[in-house]
Amino acid sequence: LVAQSIHYDGDRRNGPFLAQNCAALPESLLESILFGTAKGGFTGAVDRAGLFEQANGGTLLLDEISAMPYELQSKL
């Protein structure tokens, strides 16, 4: 609620506000969800924008980020 208030009161209010609970996602999908996928990247992959791209010009709240594996946190 606080993050959403900051977003809608700030310069990025016209952009999207996306919130993702990182603890609710399986480790195997976190990277694809955050960074997206490219067709041909692996078997069955399709072009899909990740949350960072979807939130461009807005705000991406990564809730429970401490639940993410350290190696993925370092990619942020």
N, C-alpha and C. Protein backbone atom coordinates (compact mmCIF):
# COMPACT_ATOMS: atom_id res chain seq x y z
N LEU A 1 0.82 -1.19 0.00
CA LEU A 1 0.00 0.00 0.00
C LEU A 1 0.87 1.26 0.00
N VAL A 2 1.93 1.25 0.78
CA VAL A 2 2.83 2.40 0.83
C VAL A 2 3.53 2.58 -0.51
N ALA A 3 4.02 1.49 -1.09
CA ALA A 3 4.70 1.57 -2.38
C ALA A 3 3.77 2.09 -3.46
N GLN A 4 2.53 1.66 -3.44
CA GLN A 4 1.56 2.11 -4.43
C GLN A 4 1.28 3.61 -4.26
N SER A 5 1.19 4.07 -3.04
CA SER A 5 0.98 5.50 -2.79
C SER A 5 2.15 6.32 -3.30
N ILE A 6 3.37 5.84 -3.06
CA ILE A 6 4.55 6.54 -3.55
C ILE A 6 4.54 6.59 -5.07
N HIS A 7 4.19 5.47 -5.70
CA HIS A 7 4.13 5.41 -7.16
C HIS A 7 3.15 6.44 -7.71
N TYR A 8 1.92 6.44 -7.20
CA TYR A 8 0.88 7.32 -7.74
C TYR A 8 1.06 8.78 -7.37
N ASP A 9 1.98 9.06 -6.44
CA ASP A 9 2.28 10.44 -6.08
C ASP A 9 3.56 10.93 -6.76
N GLY A 10 4.25 10.04 -7.47
CA GLY A 10 5.54 10.37 -8.07
C GLY A 10 5.48 10.66 -9.56
N ASP A 11 6.66 10.84 -10.13
CA ASP A 11 6.79 11.16 -11.55
C ASP A 11 6.38 10.01 -12.46
N ARG A 12 6.37 8.80 -11.96
CA ARG A 12 6.05 7.63 -12.78
C ARG A 12 4.59 7.20 -12.66
N ARG A 13 3.74 8.06 -12.13
CA ARG A 13 2.34 7.71 -11.88
C ARG A 13 1.58 7.32 -13.14
N ASN A 14 2.00 7.81 -14.30
CA ASN A 14 1.31 7.47 -15.55
C ASN A 14 1.77 6.12 -16.11
N GLY A 15 2.84 5.58 -15.55
CA GLY A 15 3.33 4.27 -15.97
C GLY A 15 2.67 3.18 -15.14
N PRO A 16 2.95 1.94 -15.49
CA PRO A 16 2.32 0.83 -14.76
C PRO A 16 2.91 0.66 -13.36
N PHE A 17 2.10 0.14 -12.47
CA PHE A 17 2.55 -0.29 -11.14
C PHE A 17 2.36 -1.79 -11.09
N LEU A 18 3.47 -2.53 -11.01
CA LEU A 18 3.41 -3.98 -10.94
C LEU A 18 4.01 -4.44 -9.62
N ALA A 19 3.34 -5.33 -8.95
CA ALA A 19 3.84 -5.90 -7.70
C ALA A 19 3.95 -7.41 -7.87
N GLN A 20 5.09 -7.96 -7.48
CA GLN A 20 5.31 -9.40 -7.59
C GLN A 20 5.83 -9.93 -6.26
N ASN A 21 5.14 -10.91 -5.70
CA ASN A 21 5.60 -11.59 -4.50
C ASN A 21 6.58 -12.67 -4.93
N CYS A 22 7.86 -12.43 -4.73
CA CYS A 22 8.90 -13.35 -5.18
C CYS A 22 8.84 -14.69 -4.45
N ALA A 23 8.35 -14.71 -3.23
CA ALA A 23 8.26 -15.96 -2.46
C ALA A 23 7.18 -16.88 -3.01
N ALA A 24 6.24 -16.34 -3.78
CA ALA A 24 5.13 -17.14 -4.30
C ALA A 24 5.46 -17.83 -5.62
N LEU A 25 6.63 -17.56 -6.17
CA LEU A 25 7.01 -18.13 -7.46
C LEU A 25 8.02 -19.25 -7.29
N PRO A 26 7.90 -20.31 -8.09
CA PRO A 26 8.92 -21.36 -8.05
C PRO A 26 10.26 -20.81 -8.54
N GLU A 27 11.34 -21.25 -7.90
CA GLU A 27 12.68 -20.79 -8.29
C GLU A 27 12.94 -20.97 -9.77
N SER A 28 12.45 -22.06 -10.33
CA SER A 28 12.73 -22.37 -11.73
C SER A 28 12.08 -21.38 -12.70
N LEU A 29 11.07 -20.64 -12.25
CA LEU A 29 10.38 -19.70 -13.13
C LEU A 29 10.74 -18.24 -12.88
N LEU A 30 11.38 -17.96 -11.76
CA LEU A 30 11.66 -16.57 -11.38
C LEU A 30 12.39 -15.79 -12.46
N GLU A 31 13.46 -16.35 -12.97
CA GLU A 31 14.27 -15.62 -13.96
C GLU A 31 13.46 -15.32 -15.21
N SER A 32 12.70 -16.28 -15.70
CA SER A 32 11.88 -16.07 -16.90
C SER A 32 10.81 -15.02 -16.66
N ILE A 33 10.22 -15.02 -15.49
CA ILE A 33 9.16 -14.05 -15.18
C ILE A 33 9.74 -12.65 -15.06
N LEU A 34 10.89 -12.51 -14.44
CA LEU A 34 11.49 -11.19 -14.25
C LEU A 34 12.10 -10.63 -15.53
N PHE A 35 12.84 -11.47 -16.26
CA PHE A 35 13.60 -10.98 -17.41
C PHE A 35 12.99 -11.32 -18.76
N GLY A 36 11.99 -12.19 -18.79
CA GLY A 36 11.34 -12.55 -20.04
C GLY A 36 12.00 -13.73 -20.73
N THR A 37 11.41 -14.13 -21.84
CA THR A 37 11.95 -15.24 -22.63
C THR A 37 11.97 -14.84 -24.10
N ALA A 38 12.83 -15.50 -24.86
CA ALA A 38 12.94 -15.26 -26.29
C ALA A 38 12.65 -16.56 -27.03
N LYS A 39 11.93 -16.44 -28.11
CA LYS A 39 11.61 -17.61 -28.93
C LYS A 39 12.92 -18.28 -29.35
N GLY A 40 12.99 -19.58 -29.17
CA GLY A 40 14.19 -20.32 -29.52
C GLY A 40 15.22 -20.39 -28.40
N GLY A 41 14.98 -19.70 -27.29
CA GLY A 41 15.91 -19.72 -26.17
C GLY A 41 16.01 -21.09 -25.52
N PHE A 42 14.93 -21.83 -25.57
CA PHE A 42 14.88 -23.21 -25.09
C PHE A 42 13.67 -23.85 -25.74
N THR A 43 13.56 -25.14 -25.64
CA THR A 43 12.47 -25.87 -26.29
C THR A 43 11.12 -25.34 -25.82
N GLY A 44 10.30 -24.93 -26.75
CA GLY A 44 8.97 -24.43 -26.44
C GLY A 44 8.91 -22.97 -26.02
N ALA A 45 10.04 -22.28 -26.05
CA ALA A 45 10.06 -20.88 -25.62
C ALA A 45 9.37 -19.99 -26.64
N VAL A 46 8.69 -18.98 -26.13
CA VAL A 46 8.05 -17.97 -26.97
C VAL A 46 8.54 -16.60 -26.50
N ASP A 47 8.41 -15.61 -27.38
CA ASP A 47 8.77 -14.24 -26.98
C ASP A 47 7.78 -13.75 -25.93
N ARG A 48 8.30 -13.44 -24.76
CA ARG A 48 7.45 -12.95 -23.68
C ARG A 48 8.24 -11.92 -22.88
N ALA A 49 7.67 -10.74 -22.74
CA ALA A 49 8.32 -9.68 -21.97
C ALA A 49 8.32 -10.04 -20.49
N GLY A 50 9.43 -9.75 -19.84
CA GLY A 50 9.51 -9.97 -18.40
C GLY A 50 8.91 -8.79 -17.65
N LEU A 51 8.84 -8.91 -16.35
CA LEU A 51 8.26 -7.85 -15.53
C LEU A 51 9.03 -6.55 -15.62
N PHE A 52 10.36 -6.63 -15.76
CA PHE A 52 11.14 -5.40 -15.87
C PHE A 52 10.75 -4.63 -17.12
N GLU A 53 10.58 -5.32 -18.22
CA GLU A 53 10.17 -4.67 -19.47
C GLU A 53 8.73 -4.16 -19.38
N GLN A 54 7.85 -4.94 -18.78
CA GLN A 54 6.45 -4.54 -18.65
C GLN A 54 6.29 -3.30 -17.77
N ALA A 55 7.17 -3.15 -16.78
CA ALA A 55 7.09 -2.02 -15.85
C ALA A 55 7.85 -0.80 -16.35
N ASN A 56 8.40 -0.85 -17.53
CA ASN A 56 9.19 0.26 -18.08
C ASN A 56 8.40 1.56 -18.00
N GLY A 57 8.99 2.57 -17.39
CA GLY A 57 8.33 3.85 -17.23
C GLY A 57 7.44 3.92 -16.00
N GLY A 58 7.37 2.83 -15.26
CA GLY A 58 6.54 2.78 -14.07
C GLY A 58 7.33 2.25 -12.89
N THR A 59 6.68 1.43 -12.08
CA THR A 59 7.28 0.89 -10.87
C THR A 59 7.08 -0.62 -10.80
N LEU A 60 8.15 -1.32 -10.45
CA LEU A 60 8.08 -2.76 -10.20
C LEU A 60 8.45 -2.99 -8.75
N LEU A 61 7.50 -3.48 -7.97
CA LEU A 61 7.73 -3.80 -6.56
C LEU A 61 8.00 -5.29 -6.45
N LEU A 62 9.19 -5.63 -5.98
CA LEU A 62 9.55 -7.03 -5.76
C LEU A 62 9.41 -7.33 -4.27
N ASP A 63 8.24 -7.82 -3.89
CA ASP A 63 7.95 -8.14 -2.50
C ASP A 63 8.61 -9.46 -2.13
N GLU A 64 9.03 -9.59 -0.89
CA GLU A 64 9.69 -10.81 -0.41
C GLU A 64 10.93 -11.15 -1.24
N ILE A 65 11.67 -10.13 -1.65
CA ILE A 65 12.85 -10.34 -2.49
C ILE A 65 13.91 -11.16 -1.76
N SER A 66 13.90 -11.12 -0.45
CA SER A 66 14.88 -11.90 0.32
C SER A 66 14.66 -13.40 0.17
N ALA A 67 13.50 -13.81 -0.31
CA ALA A 67 13.21 -15.23 -0.52
C ALA A 67 13.81 -15.75 -1.83
N MET A 68 14.28 -14.84 -2.67
CA MET A 68 14.90 -15.24 -3.94
C MET A 68 16.28 -15.81 -3.69
N PRO A 69 16.73 -16.75 -4.51
CA PRO A 69 18.09 -17.26 -4.38
C PRO A 69 19.11 -16.13 -4.57
N TYR A 70 20.21 -16.19 -3.83
CA TYR A 70 21.23 -15.15 -3.90
C TYR A 70 21.77 -14.95 -5.31
N GLU A 71 21.94 -16.04 -6.07
CA GLU A 71 22.48 -15.90 -7.42
C GLU A 71 21.55 -15.10 -8.32
N LEU A 72 20.26 -15.21 -8.12
CA LEU A 72 19.31 -14.42 -8.90
C LEU A 72 19.26 -12.98 -8.39
N GLN A 73 19.39 -12.80 -7.09
CA GLN A 73 19.44 -11.44 -6.54
C GLN A 73 20.62 -10.67 -7.12
N SER A 74 21.74 -11.35 -7.32
CA SER A 74 22.93 -10.67 -7.86
C SER A 74 22.72 -10.24 -9.31
N LYS A 75 21.82 -10.87 -10.04
CA LYS A 75 21.54 -10.48 -11.42
C LYS A 75 20.70 -9.20 -11.49
N LEU A 76 20.08 -8.86 -10.38
CA LEU A 76 19.27 -7.65 -10.36
C LEU A 76 20.15 -6.43 -10.34
